Amino acid sequence: MHPNPAYRPASPERNLEFAGERGFGMLAVGTGEAQAPLLSHIPFVLTEDGAAVHAHLVRSNPIARLLLAAERMAVLAVSGPDGYVSPDWYGAVPDQVPTWNYVAVHLRGTLRLRPDETLRPFLDTLSARFERELRPKPPWRTSKVSADALAGLMRAIVPIELAVESVDGTWKLNQTKTDEVRLRAAEHVATDGLGHETSLLARFMRTPPRRE
């Protein structure tokens, strides 16, 4: 997380809301040995109270193998829009340098395996969560898959849960500039942006979260 408090104004509730809306992130788990953490990119569902993340891993995933021995501390990093900001976009403001604006939320806590019987309900919840975004298309359901095929697919994956113990968010949106300068840069990000989801990034730049 960025250390500047100007970029960390969002409440834990807003950060959780953002993470839940995205529903996809990078899971990082330490091995306890002198090697790099294990990483896995996963779709997930955040429980309504924000206390836990439910997801699944391929059974052969190294993280899943670690969890067979014991639960682990983990971080789920959820990325939002991001983009380059040219100093020229600020207007006649001297001594400026390039930067990169972005939104990111980190959920930290204890990662563990869940009982096998929770897998099917979770898969139904996961697909329903994203199928809702495709309305008016009729939702796809696991019932459309034959029982044998679904059983085979489910044998290949394991359900996991991250008990959320802390939430941190960075909303780096030029809050250290004046409103006039920030809004001017936002217009350029929207029309000339270089990055990911620059239209959404520009919208966030226009109305950044305020410290509560």
N, C-alpha and C. Protein backbone atom coordinates (compact mmCIF):
# COMPACT_ATOMS: atom_id res chain seq x y z
N MET A 1 0.82 -1.19 0.00
CA MET A 1 0.00 0.00 0.00
C MET A 1 0.87 1.26 0.00
N HIS A 2 0.42 2.28 -0.71
CA HIS A 2 1.15 3.54 -0.74
C HIS A 2 1.16 4.16 0.65
N PRO A 3 2.32 4.64 1.12
CA PRO A 3 2.39 5.17 2.50
C PRO A 3 1.76 6.54 2.69
N ASN A 4 1.53 7.28 1.61
CA ASN A 4 0.99 8.63 1.75
C ASN A 4 -0.48 8.56 2.16
N PRO A 5 -0.84 9.10 3.34
CA PRO A 5 -2.23 9.02 3.79
C PRO A 5 -3.21 9.72 2.87
N ALA A 6 -2.73 10.63 2.03
CA ALA A 6 -3.62 11.31 1.08
C ALA A 6 -4.25 10.32 0.11
N TYR A 7 -3.54 9.20 -0.13
CA TYR A 7 -4.02 8.21 -1.07
C TYR A 7 -4.74 7.04 -0.39
N ARG A 8 -5.01 7.19 0.90
CA ARG A 8 -5.65 6.10 1.63
C ARG A 8 -6.86 6.62 2.42
N PRO A 9 -7.74 7.34 1.72
CA PRO A 9 -8.86 7.98 2.44
C PRO A 9 -10.08 7.08 2.60
N ALA A 10 -10.16 6.00 1.83
CA ALA A 10 -11.37 5.20 1.83
C ALA A 10 -11.52 4.41 3.13
N SER A 11 -12.74 4.29 3.59
CA SER A 11 -13.03 3.53 4.80
C SER A 11 -12.88 2.04 4.51
N PRO A 12 -12.72 1.21 5.55
CA PRO A 12 -12.69 -0.24 5.32
C PRO A 12 -13.95 -0.72 4.60
N GLU A 13 -15.10 -0.12 4.90
CA GLU A 13 -16.34 -0.52 4.24
C GLU A 13 -16.29 -0.23 2.75
N ARG A 14 -15.75 0.94 2.36
CA ARG A 14 -15.65 1.27 0.93
C ARG A 14 -14.65 0.37 0.24
N ASN A 15 -13.55 0.06 0.90
CA ASN A 15 -12.56 -0.85 0.30
C ASN A 15 -13.15 -2.24 0.11
N LEU A 16 -13.89 -2.73 1.09
CA LEU A 16 -14.53 -4.04 0.96
C LEU A 16 -15.57 -4.03 -0.16
N GLU A 17 -16.32 -2.94 -0.25
CA GLU A 17 -17.31 -2.82 -1.32
C GLU A 17 -16.63 -2.90 -2.69
N PHE A 18 -15.53 -2.17 -2.82
CA PHE A 18 -14.79 -2.17 -4.08
C PHE A 18 -14.28 -3.57 -4.42
N ALA A 19 -13.68 -4.24 -3.43
CA ALA A 19 -13.16 -5.59 -3.67
C ALA A 19 -14.27 -6.54 -4.08
N GLY A 20 -15.41 -6.45 -3.39
CA GLY A 20 -16.52 -7.33 -3.73
C GLY A 20 -17.05 -7.07 -5.12
N GLU A 21 -17.07 -5.81 -5.55
CA GLU A 21 -17.54 -5.47 -6.89
C GLU A 21 -16.61 -6.04 -7.96
N ARG A 22 -15.31 -6.04 -7.68
CA ARG A 22 -14.36 -6.56 -8.67
C ARG A 22 -14.46 -8.08 -8.77
N GLY A 23 -14.39 -8.76 -7.63
CA GLY A 23 -14.57 -10.21 -7.62
C GLY A 23 -13.44 -11.00 -8.24
N PHE A 24 -12.28 -10.39 -8.39
CA PHE A 24 -11.12 -11.09 -8.96
C PHE A 24 -9.86 -10.47 -8.37
N GLY A 25 -8.91 -11.31 -7.98
CA GLY A 25 -7.70 -10.77 -7.39
C GLY A 25 -6.55 -11.76 -7.42
N MET A 26 -5.42 -11.31 -6.88
CA MET A 26 -4.22 -12.15 -6.83
C MET A 26 -3.98 -12.57 -5.39
N LEU A 27 -4.02 -13.86 -5.15
CA LEU A 27 -3.80 -14.44 -3.83
C LEU A 27 -2.31 -14.71 -3.65
N ALA A 28 -1.75 -14.20 -2.55
CA ALA A 28 -0.32 -14.38 -2.25
C ALA A 28 -0.18 -15.07 -0.91
N VAL A 29 0.60 -16.15 -0.89
CA VAL A 29 0.78 -16.96 0.32
C VAL A 29 2.26 -17.22 0.52
N GLY A 30 2.77 -16.94 1.70
CA GLY A 30 4.15 -17.27 2.02
C GLY A 30 4.31 -18.74 2.32
N THR A 31 5.46 -19.28 2.02
CA THR A 31 5.72 -20.70 2.26
C THR A 31 6.41 -20.95 3.58
N GLY A 32 6.92 -19.88 4.23
CA GLY A 32 7.69 -20.05 5.45
C GLY A 32 9.12 -20.45 5.19
N GLU A 33 9.51 -20.47 3.94
CA GLU A 33 10.88 -20.83 3.56
C GLU A 33 11.50 -19.66 2.81
N ALA A 34 12.80 -19.77 2.54
CA ALA A 34 13.53 -18.69 1.87
C ALA A 34 13.29 -18.73 0.38
N GLN A 35 12.05 -18.50 -0.03
CA GLN A 35 11.72 -18.44 -1.44
C GLN A 35 10.54 -17.48 -1.62
N ALA A 36 10.28 -17.13 -2.87
CA ALA A 36 9.22 -16.16 -3.15
C ALA A 36 7.86 -16.71 -2.74
N PRO A 37 6.91 -15.81 -2.40
CA PRO A 37 5.55 -16.26 -2.09
C PRO A 37 4.91 -16.96 -3.29
N LEU A 38 3.95 -17.79 -3.01
CA LEU A 38 3.15 -18.42 -4.05
C LEU A 38 2.01 -17.49 -4.43
N LEU A 39 1.72 -17.40 -5.73
CA LEU A 39 0.69 -16.50 -6.22
C LEU A 39 -0.33 -17.27 -7.05
N SER A 40 -1.57 -16.83 -6.97
CA SER A 40 -2.61 -17.42 -7.81
C SER A 40 -3.68 -16.38 -8.07
N HIS A 41 -4.11 -16.26 -9.32
CA HIS A 41 -5.16 -15.31 -9.69
C HIS A 41 -6.50 -16.02 -9.63
N ILE A 42 -7.43 -15.46 -8.84
CA ILE A 42 -8.66 -16.20 -8.56
C ILE A 42 -9.89 -15.30 -8.61
N PRO A 43 -11.03 -15.83 -9.12
CA PRO A 43 -12.31 -15.17 -8.87
C PRO A 43 -12.76 -15.52 -7.47
N PHE A 44 -13.57 -14.65 -6.87
CA PHE A 44 -13.98 -14.90 -5.50
C PHE A 44 -15.31 -14.23 -5.21
N VAL A 45 -15.90 -14.62 -4.10
CA VAL A 45 -17.10 -13.98 -3.58
C VAL A 45 -16.80 -13.52 -2.15
N LEU A 46 -17.13 -12.28 -1.86
CA LEU A 46 -16.98 -11.74 -0.51
C LEU A 46 -18.30 -11.93 0.22
N THR A 47 -18.24 -12.44 1.44
CA THR A 47 -19.47 -12.63 2.20
C THR A 47 -20.13 -11.28 2.47
N GLU A 48 -21.42 -11.31 2.73
CA GLU A 48 -22.19 -10.06 2.87
C GLU A 48 -21.64 -9.18 3.98
N ASP A 49 -21.13 -9.77 5.04
CA ASP A 49 -20.60 -8.97 6.14
C ASP A 49 -19.13 -8.60 5.96
N GLY A 50 -18.53 -9.04 4.85
CA GLY A 50 -17.14 -8.71 4.56
C GLY A 50 -16.13 -9.44 5.42
N ALA A 51 -16.56 -10.46 6.15
CA ALA A 51 -15.67 -11.15 7.08
C ALA A 51 -14.85 -12.24 6.42
N ALA A 52 -15.25 -12.68 5.23
CA ALA A 52 -14.54 -13.80 4.60
C ALA A 52 -14.64 -13.73 3.08
N VAL A 53 -13.63 -14.27 2.45
CA VAL A 53 -13.59 -14.45 1.00
C VAL A 53 -13.71 -15.93 0.72
N HIS A 54 -14.61 -16.31 -0.16
CA HIS A 54 -14.74 -17.70 -0.58
C HIS A 54 -14.29 -17.84 -2.02
N ALA A 55 -13.49 -18.87 -2.27
CA ALA A 55 -12.94 -19.08 -3.60
C ALA A 55 -12.60 -20.56 -3.76
N HIS A 56 -11.93 -20.88 -4.87
CA HIS A 56 -11.51 -22.27 -5.07
C HIS A 56 -10.19 -22.28 -5.82
N LEU A 57 -9.47 -23.38 -5.67
CA LEU A 57 -8.20 -23.59 -6.35
C LEU A 57 -8.20 -24.96 -7.00
N VAL A 58 -7.44 -25.08 -8.08
CA VAL A 58 -7.20 -26.40 -8.64
C VAL A 58 -6.47 -27.23 -7.58
N ARG A 59 -6.87 -28.47 -7.43
CA ARG A 59 -6.32 -29.31 -6.37
C ARG A 59 -4.79 -29.41 -6.45
N SER A 60 -4.24 -29.34 -7.65
CA SER A 60 -2.78 -29.46 -7.82
C SER A 60 -2.05 -28.14 -7.60
N ASN A 61 -2.78 -27.05 -7.35
CA ASN A 61 -2.15 -25.76 -7.09
C ASN A 61 -1.24 -25.87 -5.86
N PRO A 62 -0.01 -25.34 -5.92
CA PRO A 62 0.89 -25.42 -4.76
C PRO A 62 0.29 -24.81 -3.49
N ILE A 63 -0.55 -23.78 -3.63
CA ILE A 63 -1.17 -23.20 -2.44
C ILE A 63 -2.12 -24.20 -1.81
N ALA A 64 -2.88 -24.90 -2.63
CA ALA A 64 -3.80 -25.91 -2.10
C ALA A 64 -3.03 -27.01 -1.37
N ARG A 65 -1.89 -27.37 -1.90
CA ARG A 65 -1.08 -28.40 -1.24
C ARG A 65 -0.57 -27.93 0.10
N LEU A 66 -0.17 -26.65 0.18
CA LEU A 66 0.27 -26.10 1.47
C LEU A 66 -0.85 -26.17 2.51
N LEU A 67 -2.07 -25.86 2.07
CA LEU A 67 -3.19 -25.81 3.00
C LEU A 67 -3.59 -27.19 3.52
N LEU A 68 -3.19 -28.23 2.82
CA LEU A 68 -3.46 -29.57 3.33
C LEU A 68 -2.74 -29.80 4.66
N ALA A 69 -1.58 -29.15 4.83
CA ALA A 69 -0.81 -29.33 6.05
C ALA A 69 -1.29 -28.41 7.18
N ALA A 70 -1.62 -27.15 6.82
CA ALA A 70 -2.03 -26.19 7.85
C ALA A 70 -2.54 -24.93 7.18
N GLU A 71 -3.34 -24.15 7.92
CA GLU A 71 -3.78 -22.86 7.42
C GLU A 71 -2.59 -21.91 7.31
N ARG A 72 -2.73 -20.87 6.50
CA ARG A 72 -1.63 -19.94 6.25
C ARG A 72 -2.13 -18.51 6.26
N MET A 73 -1.23 -17.59 6.62
CA MET A 73 -1.52 -16.19 6.44
C MET A 73 -1.41 -15.85 4.95
N ALA A 74 -2.31 -15.01 4.46
CA ALA A 74 -2.34 -14.72 3.03
C ALA A 74 -2.82 -13.30 2.79
N VAL A 75 -2.57 -12.82 1.59
CA VAL A 75 -3.05 -11.51 1.14
C VAL A 75 -3.76 -11.71 -0.19
N LEU A 76 -4.94 -11.12 -0.32
CA LEU A 76 -5.63 -11.08 -1.60
C LEU A 76 -5.57 -9.64 -2.11
N ALA A 77 -4.83 -9.43 -3.20
CA ALA A 77 -4.67 -8.10 -3.79
C ALA A 77 -5.67 -7.94 -4.92
N VAL A 78 -6.52 -6.93 -4.79
CA VAL A 78 -7.57 -6.67 -5.77
C VAL A 78 -7.24 -5.37 -6.49
N SER A 79 -6.98 -5.46 -7.78
CA SER A 79 -6.59 -4.29 -8.56
C SER A 79 -7.78 -3.67 -9.26
N GLY A 80 -7.77 -2.34 -9.33
CA GLY A 80 -8.80 -1.61 -10.06
C GLY A 80 -8.21 -0.95 -11.29
N PRO A 81 -8.79 0.15 -11.73
CA PRO A 81 -8.26 0.85 -12.90
C PRO A 81 -6.91 1.48 -12.59
N ASP A 82 -6.11 1.65 -13.63
CA ASP A 82 -4.82 2.30 -13.45
C ASP A 82 -4.45 3.01 -14.74
N GLY A 83 -3.56 4.01 -14.64
CA GLY A 83 -3.16 4.72 -15.84
C GLY A 83 -2.03 5.71 -15.61
N TYR A 84 -1.30 5.96 -16.68
CA TYR A 84 -0.20 6.93 -16.69
C TYR A 84 -0.77 8.34 -16.72
N VAL A 85 -0.10 9.24 -15.99
CA VAL A 85 -0.49 10.65 -15.98
C VAL A 85 0.72 11.48 -16.41
N SER A 86 0.58 12.16 -17.54
CA SER A 86 1.66 13.03 -18.03
C SER A 86 1.65 14.36 -17.30
N PRO A 87 2.82 14.89 -16.94
CA PRO A 87 2.86 16.21 -16.29
C PRO A 87 2.24 17.31 -17.16
N ASP A 88 2.27 17.14 -18.49
CA ASP A 88 1.69 18.15 -19.38
C ASP A 88 0.19 18.30 -19.16
N TRP A 89 -0.46 17.27 -18.62
CA TRP A 89 -1.91 17.31 -18.44
C TRP A 89 -2.34 18.18 -17.26
N TYR A 90 -1.40 18.61 -16.42
CA TYR A 90 -1.74 19.47 -15.29
C TYR A 90 -1.92 20.93 -15.71
N GLY A 91 -1.46 21.28 -16.90
CA GLY A 91 -1.49 22.67 -17.33
C GLY A 91 -0.21 23.38 -16.93
N ALA A 92 -0.30 24.68 -16.76
CA ALA A 92 0.90 25.49 -16.47
C ALA A 92 1.26 25.40 -15.00
N VAL A 93 1.65 24.21 -14.58
CA VAL A 93 2.08 23.97 -13.20
C VAL A 93 3.54 23.54 -13.25
N PRO A 94 4.46 24.31 -12.68
CA PRO A 94 5.89 24.01 -12.83
C PRO A 94 6.34 22.81 -11.99
N ASP A 95 7.48 22.28 -12.39
CA ASP A 95 8.21 21.26 -11.62
C ASP A 95 7.38 20.02 -11.32
N GLN A 96 6.67 19.53 -12.32
CA GLN A 96 5.88 18.31 -12.18
C GLN A 96 6.58 17.13 -12.84
N VAL A 97 6.30 15.94 -12.40
CA VAL A 97 6.89 14.73 -12.98
C VAL A 97 5.77 13.72 -13.28
N PRO A 98 6.07 12.75 -14.14
CA PRO A 98 5.04 11.75 -14.44
C PRO A 98 4.68 10.91 -13.22
N THR A 99 3.48 10.36 -13.24
CA THR A 99 3.07 9.45 -12.18
C THR A 99 2.12 8.42 -12.76
N TRP A 100 1.73 7.47 -11.93
CA TRP A 100 0.78 6.44 -12.34
C TRP A 100 -0.32 6.39 -11.28
N ASN A 101 -1.53 6.66 -11.68
CA ASN A 101 -2.66 6.60 -10.76
C ASN A 101 -3.27 5.20 -10.78
N TYR A 102 -3.84 4.79 -9.66
CA TYR A 102 -4.41 3.45 -9.58
C TYR A 102 -5.26 3.30 -8.33
N VAL A 103 -6.05 2.24 -8.35
CA VAL A 103 -6.83 1.85 -7.17
C VAL A 103 -6.50 0.39 -6.88
N ALA A 104 -6.23 0.08 -5.62
CA ALA A 104 -5.93 -1.30 -5.22
C ALA A 104 -6.36 -1.50 -3.77
N VAL A 105 -6.86 -2.69 -3.49
CA VAL A 105 -7.28 -3.05 -2.14
C VAL A 105 -6.62 -4.37 -1.75
N HIS A 106 -6.10 -4.44 -0.54
CA HIS A 106 -5.48 -5.66 -0.02
C HIS A 106 -6.30 -6.19 1.15
N LEU A 107 -6.68 -7.45 1.06
CA LEU A 107 -7.38 -8.14 2.14
C LEU A 107 -6.41 -9.14 2.74
N ARG A 108 -6.15 -9.02 4.03
CA ARG A 108 -5.19 -9.89 4.72
C ARG A 108 -5.91 -10.75 5.75
N GLY A 109 -5.43 -11.97 5.90
CA GLY A 109 -6.03 -12.82 6.92
C GLY A 109 -5.54 -14.25 6.85
N THR A 110 -6.30 -15.13 7.45
CA THR A 110 -5.93 -16.54 7.54
C THR A 110 -6.64 -17.32 6.43
N LEU A 111 -5.86 -18.06 5.67
CA LEU A 111 -6.38 -18.85 4.55
C LEU A 111 -6.45 -20.31 4.96
N ARG A 112 -7.58 -20.93 4.66
CA ARG A 112 -7.75 -22.35 5.02
C ARG A 112 -8.61 -23.05 3.99
N LEU A 113 -8.53 -24.37 3.98
CA LEU A 113 -9.44 -25.17 3.16
C LEU A 113 -10.82 -25.18 3.80
N ARG A 114 -11.84 -25.28 2.96
CA ARG A 114 -13.21 -25.43 3.45
C ARG A 114 -13.66 -26.87 3.22
N PRO A 115 -14.71 -27.32 3.91
CA PRO A 115 -15.20 -28.68 3.70
C PRO A 115 -15.66 -28.91 2.26
N ASP A 116 -15.47 -30.12 1.76
CA ASP A 116 -15.83 -30.44 0.39
C ASP A 116 -17.30 -30.16 0.09
N GLU A 117 -18.17 -30.35 1.08
CA GLU A 117 -19.60 -30.19 0.83
C GLU A 117 -19.99 -28.73 0.59
N THR A 118 -19.08 -27.78 0.85
CA THR A 118 -19.38 -26.38 0.58
C THR A 118 -19.07 -25.98 -0.86
N LEU A 119 -18.44 -26.88 -1.62
CA LEU A 119 -17.96 -26.52 -2.95
C LEU A 119 -19.11 -26.23 -3.92
N ARG A 120 -20.08 -27.13 -4.01
CA ARG A 120 -21.17 -26.93 -4.97
C ARG A 120 -21.97 -25.65 -4.66
N PRO A 121 -22.37 -25.40 -3.41
CA PRO A 121 -23.06 -24.13 -3.15
C PRO A 121 -22.21 -22.91 -3.51
N PHE A 122 -20.90 -23.00 -3.25
CA PHE A 122 -20.04 -21.88 -3.60
C PHE A 122 -20.00 -21.66 -5.10
N LEU A 123 -19.86 -22.73 -5.88
CA LEU A 123 -19.82 -22.59 -7.33
C LEU A 123 -21.10 -21.97 -7.87
N ASP A 124 -22.24 -22.37 -7.27
CA ASP A 124 -23.52 -21.78 -7.67
C ASP A 124 -23.55 -20.29 -7.35
N THR A 125 -23.05 -19.94 -6.17
CA THR A 125 -23.03 -18.53 -5.77
C THR A 125 -22.10 -17.72 -6.66
N LEU A 126 -20.94 -18.28 -6.97
CA LEU A 126 -19.95 -17.58 -7.80
C LEU A 126 -20.50 -17.31 -9.20
N SER A 127 -21.05 -18.34 -9.83
CA SER A 127 -21.57 -18.14 -11.19
C SER A 127 -22.75 -17.19 -11.19
N ALA A 128 -23.63 -17.30 -10.18
CA ALA A 128 -24.79 -16.41 -10.11
C ALA A 128 -24.36 -14.96 -9.95
N ARG A 129 -23.28 -14.73 -9.17
CA ARG A 129 -22.82 -13.36 -8.94
C ARG A 129 -22.41 -12.69 -10.24
N PHE A 130 -21.70 -13.42 -11.12
CA PHE A 130 -21.25 -12.81 -12.37
C PHE A 130 -22.30 -12.89 -13.47
N GLU A 131 -23.12 -13.91 -13.47
CA GLU A 131 -24.18 -14.00 -14.46
C GLU A 131 -25.17 -12.84 -14.32
N ARG A 132 -25.36 -12.35 -13.11
CA ARG A 132 -26.25 -11.20 -12.91
C ARG A 132 -25.78 -9.99 -13.71
N GLU A 133 -24.47 -9.88 -13.89
CA GLU A 133 -23.91 -8.74 -14.63
C GLU A 133 -24.23 -8.83 -16.13
N LEU A 134 -24.67 -9.97 -16.60
CA LEU A 134 -24.93 -10.18 -18.02
C LEU A 134 -26.41 -10.07 -18.38
N ARG A 135 -27.24 -9.70 -17.41
CA ARG A 135 -28.66 -9.56 -17.71
C ARG A 135 -28.88 -8.55 -18.83
N PRO A 136 -29.84 -8.80 -19.73
CA PRO A 136 -30.98 -9.72 -19.59
C PRO A 136 -30.73 -11.14 -20.08
N LYS A 137 -29.49 -11.52 -20.33
CA LYS A 137 -29.23 -12.91 -20.71
C LYS A 137 -29.72 -13.84 -19.61
N PRO A 138 -30.42 -14.92 -19.97
CA PRO A 138 -30.80 -15.89 -18.95
C PRO A 138 -29.55 -16.44 -18.27
N PRO A 139 -29.55 -16.57 -16.95
CA PRO A 139 -28.32 -16.97 -16.25
C PRO A 139 -27.94 -18.42 -16.53
N TRP A 140 -26.62 -18.62 -16.69
CA TRP A 140 -26.10 -19.99 -16.76
C TRP A 140 -26.08 -20.55 -15.35
N ARG A 141 -26.38 -21.84 -15.22
CA ARG A 141 -26.37 -22.51 -13.92
C ARG A 141 -25.63 -23.83 -14.04
N THR A 142 -25.07 -24.28 -12.90
CA THR A 142 -24.35 -25.56 -12.91
C THR A 142 -25.28 -26.72 -13.26
N SER A 143 -26.58 -26.55 -13.11
CA SER A 143 -27.52 -27.61 -13.47
C SER A 143 -27.52 -27.89 -14.96
N LYS A 144 -26.92 -27.02 -15.75
CA LYS A 144 -26.82 -27.25 -17.20
C LYS A 144 -25.73 -28.25 -17.55
N VAL A 145 -24.91 -28.60 -16.56
CA VAL A 145 -23.83 -29.57 -16.77
C VAL A 145 -24.30 -30.92 -16.25
N SER A 146 -24.00 -31.98 -16.99
CA SER A 146 -24.43 -33.31 -16.56
C SER A 146 -23.80 -33.66 -15.21
N ALA A 147 -24.48 -34.49 -14.44
CA ALA A 147 -24.00 -34.84 -13.11
C ALA A 147 -22.62 -35.45 -13.13
N ASP A 148 -22.36 -36.35 -14.09
CA ASP A 148 -21.04 -37.00 -14.16
C ASP A 148 -19.95 -35.99 -14.49
N ALA A 149 -20.22 -35.11 -15.47
CA ALA A 149 -19.20 -34.13 -15.87
C ALA A 149 -18.93 -33.16 -14.72
N LEU A 150 -19.98 -32.72 -14.03
CA LEU A 150 -19.80 -31.78 -12.93
C LEU A 150 -19.03 -32.43 -11.79
N ALA A 151 -19.35 -33.69 -11.50
CA ALA A 151 -18.63 -34.39 -10.43
C ALA A 151 -17.15 -34.49 -10.75
N GLY A 152 -16.83 -34.75 -12.02
CA GLY A 152 -15.43 -34.84 -12.43
C GLY A 152 -14.71 -33.51 -12.29
N LEU A 153 -15.38 -32.43 -12.67
CA LEU A 153 -14.78 -31.11 -12.55
C LEU A 153 -14.56 -30.73 -11.08
N MET A 154 -15.54 -31.08 -10.24
CA MET A 154 -15.43 -30.73 -8.83
C MET A 154 -14.35 -31.51 -8.11
N ARG A 155 -14.06 -32.70 -8.58
CA ARG A 155 -12.97 -33.47 -7.97
C ARG A 155 -11.62 -32.81 -8.20
N ALA A 156 -11.54 -31.96 -9.21
CA ALA A 156 -10.25 -31.34 -9.57
C ALA A 156 -9.99 -30.05 -8.81
N ILE A 157 -10.96 -29.56 -8.03
CA ILE A 157 -10.79 -28.30 -7.34
C ILE A 157 -11.13 -28.44 -5.86
N VAL A 158 -10.64 -27.47 -5.06
CA VAL A 158 -10.92 -27.48 -3.62
C VAL A 158 -11.42 -26.11 -3.20
N PRO A 159 -12.38 -26.05 -2.26
CA PRO A 159 -12.87 -24.76 -1.77
C PRO A 159 -11.94 -24.20 -0.70
N ILE A 160 -11.76 -22.88 -0.72
CA ILE A 160 -10.90 -22.22 0.26
C ILE A 160 -11.63 -21.01 0.84
N GLU A 161 -11.16 -20.57 2.00
CA GLU A 161 -11.72 -19.39 2.67
C GLU A 161 -10.60 -18.54 3.23
N LEU A 162 -10.67 -17.24 2.97
CA LEU A 162 -9.77 -16.27 3.60
C LEU A 162 -10.57 -15.51 4.64
N ALA A 163 -10.25 -15.72 5.92
CA ALA A 163 -10.89 -14.96 7.00
C ALA A 163 -10.25 -13.57 7.03
N VAL A 164 -11.01 -12.55 6.67
CA VAL A 164 -10.46 -11.21 6.51
C VAL A 164 -10.21 -10.58 7.89
N GLU A 165 -8.94 -10.25 8.14
CA GLU A 165 -8.55 -9.69 9.43
C GLU A 165 -8.12 -8.23 9.32
N SER A 166 -7.74 -7.79 8.14
CA SER A 166 -7.43 -6.38 7.94
C SER A 166 -7.67 -6.01 6.47
N VAL A 167 -7.99 -4.73 6.26
CA VAL A 167 -8.31 -4.22 4.93
C VAL A 167 -7.55 -2.92 4.71
N ASP A 168 -6.83 -2.83 3.60
CA ASP A 168 -6.11 -1.61 3.25
C ASP A 168 -6.41 -1.26 1.81
N GLY A 169 -6.49 0.02 1.52
CA GLY A 169 -6.75 0.45 0.16
C GLY A 169 -5.94 1.65 -0.24
N THR A 170 -5.47 1.67 -1.47
CA THR A 170 -4.82 2.84 -2.06
C THR A 170 -5.69 3.35 -3.20
N TRP A 171 -6.05 4.62 -3.12
CA TRP A 171 -6.80 5.29 -4.18
C TRP A 171 -5.96 6.49 -4.62
N LYS A 172 -4.99 6.23 -5.47
CA LYS A 172 -4.04 7.27 -5.89
C LYS A 172 -4.61 7.99 -7.10
N LEU A 173 -5.19 9.16 -6.85
CA LEU A 173 -6.00 9.84 -7.86
C LEU A 173 -5.66 11.33 -7.96
N ASN A 174 -4.41 11.68 -7.75
CA ASN A 174 -3.96 13.08 -7.79
C ASN A 174 -4.58 13.95 -6.71
N GLN A 175 -4.89 13.33 -5.54
CA GLN A 175 -5.47 14.13 -4.46
C GLN A 175 -4.53 15.19 -3.92
N THR A 176 -3.23 15.07 -4.18
CA THR A 176 -2.28 16.06 -3.69
C THR A 176 -2.24 17.31 -4.58
N LYS A 177 -2.96 17.28 -5.69
CA LYS A 177 -3.07 18.46 -6.55
C LYS A 177 -4.31 19.26 -6.18
N THR A 178 -4.40 20.47 -6.67
CA THR A 178 -5.62 21.24 -6.48
C THR A 178 -6.75 20.58 -7.26
N ASP A 179 -7.99 20.90 -6.90
CA ASP A 179 -9.13 20.33 -7.61
C ASP A 179 -9.07 20.67 -9.10
N GLU A 180 -8.71 21.90 -9.42
CA GLU A 180 -8.65 22.32 -10.82
C GLU A 180 -7.64 21.49 -11.60
N VAL A 181 -6.47 21.29 -11.03
CA VAL A 181 -5.43 20.52 -11.71
C VAL A 181 -5.83 19.05 -11.82
N ARG A 182 -6.38 18.50 -10.74
CA ARG A 182 -6.80 17.09 -10.76
C ARG A 182 -7.88 16.84 -11.81
N LEU A 183 -8.86 17.74 -11.89
CA LEU A 183 -9.94 17.57 -12.86
C LEU A 183 -9.43 17.72 -14.30
N ARG A 184 -8.47 18.61 -14.50
CA ARG A 184 -7.89 18.78 -15.83
C ARG A 184 -7.16 17.49 -16.24
N ALA A 185 -6.42 16.90 -15.32
CA ALA A 185 -5.73 15.65 -15.62
C ALA A 185 -6.73 14.53 -15.88
N ALA A 186 -7.83 14.53 -15.14
CA ALA A 186 -8.84 13.49 -15.32
C ALA A 186 -9.42 13.52 -16.73
N GLU A 187 -9.63 14.71 -17.28
CA GLU A 187 -10.16 14.79 -18.64
C GLU A 187 -9.20 14.18 -19.65
N HIS A 188 -7.91 14.39 -19.46
CA HIS A 188 -6.91 13.79 -20.37
C HIS A 188 -6.85 12.28 -20.18
N VAL A 189 -6.94 11.81 -18.93
CA VAL A 189 -6.95 10.37 -18.69
C VAL A 189 -8.12 9.73 -19.41
N ALA A 190 -9.28 10.39 -19.39
CA ALA A 190 -10.48 9.85 -20.03
C ALA A 190 -10.35 9.80 -21.54
N THR A 191 -9.72 10.81 -22.14
CA THR A 191 -9.68 10.90 -23.61
C THR A 191 -8.39 10.36 -24.21
N ASP A 192 -7.28 10.48 -23.49
CA ASP A 192 -5.97 10.10 -24.04
C ASP A 192 -5.26 9.07 -23.17
N GLY A 193 -6.00 8.43 -22.28
CA GLY A 193 -5.38 7.60 -21.25
C GLY A 193 -4.61 6.41 -21.77
N LEU A 194 -3.55 6.10 -21.04
CA LEU A 194 -2.73 4.92 -21.29
C LEU A 194 -2.76 4.09 -20.03
N GLY A 195 -3.40 2.94 -20.10
CA GLY A 195 -3.50 2.11 -18.91
C GLY A 195 -4.66 1.14 -19.03
N HIS A 196 -5.30 0.86 -17.91
CA HIS A 196 -6.36 -0.14 -17.83
C HIS A 196 -7.62 0.50 -17.26
N GLU A 197 -8.71 0.41 -17.98
CA GLU A 197 -9.99 1.00 -17.56
C GLU A 197 -9.83 2.50 -17.26
N THR A 198 -9.26 3.22 -18.22
CA THR A 198 -8.96 4.63 -17.99
C THR A 198 -10.23 5.48 -17.83
N SER A 199 -11.35 5.07 -18.44
CA SER A 199 -12.59 5.84 -18.25
C SER A 199 -13.03 5.76 -16.79
N LEU A 200 -12.93 4.57 -16.21
CA LEU A 200 -13.28 4.40 -14.79
C LEU A 200 -12.30 5.15 -13.91
N LEU A 201 -11.02 5.09 -14.25
CA LEU A 201 -10.01 5.81 -13.48
C LEU A 201 -10.31 7.31 -13.48
N ALA A 202 -10.68 7.86 -14.64
CA ALA A 202 -11.00 9.28 -14.73
C ALA A 202 -12.21 9.62 -13.86
N ARG A 203 -13.20 8.72 -13.84
CA ARG A 203 -14.38 8.97 -12.99
C ARG A 203 -13.99 9.01 -11.52
N PHE A 204 -13.12 8.10 -11.10
CA PHE A 204 -12.65 8.11 -9.72
C PHE A 204 -11.84 9.38 -9.43
N MET A 205 -11.04 9.82 -10.41
CA MET A 205 -10.26 11.04 -10.21
C MET A 205 -11.15 12.27 -10.01
N ARG A 206 -12.30 12.27 -10.67
CA ARG A 206 -13.20 13.41 -10.54
C ARG A 206 -13.86 13.45 -9.16
N THR A 207 -14.11 12.28 -8.60
CA THR A 207 -14.77 12.22 -7.28
C THR A 207 -14.04 11.23 -6.38
N PRO A 208 -12.82 11.56 -5.98
CA PRO A 208 -12.06 10.63 -5.12
C PRO A 208 -12.70 10.49 -3.76
N PRO A 209 -12.53 9.33 -3.13
CA PRO A 209 -13.09 9.18 -1.77
C PRO A 209 -12.44 10.17 -0.81
N ARG A 210 -13.24 10.60 0.15
CA ARG A 210 -12.75 11.56 1.15
C ARG A 210 -12.57 10.84 2.47
N ARG A 211 -11.60 11.28 3.24
CA ARG A 211 -11.36 10.68 4.56
C ARG A 211 -12.53 10.96 5.47
N GLU A 212 -13.02 9.87 6.09
CA GLU A 212 -14.21 10.00 6.94
C GLU A 212 -13.82 10.32 8.39
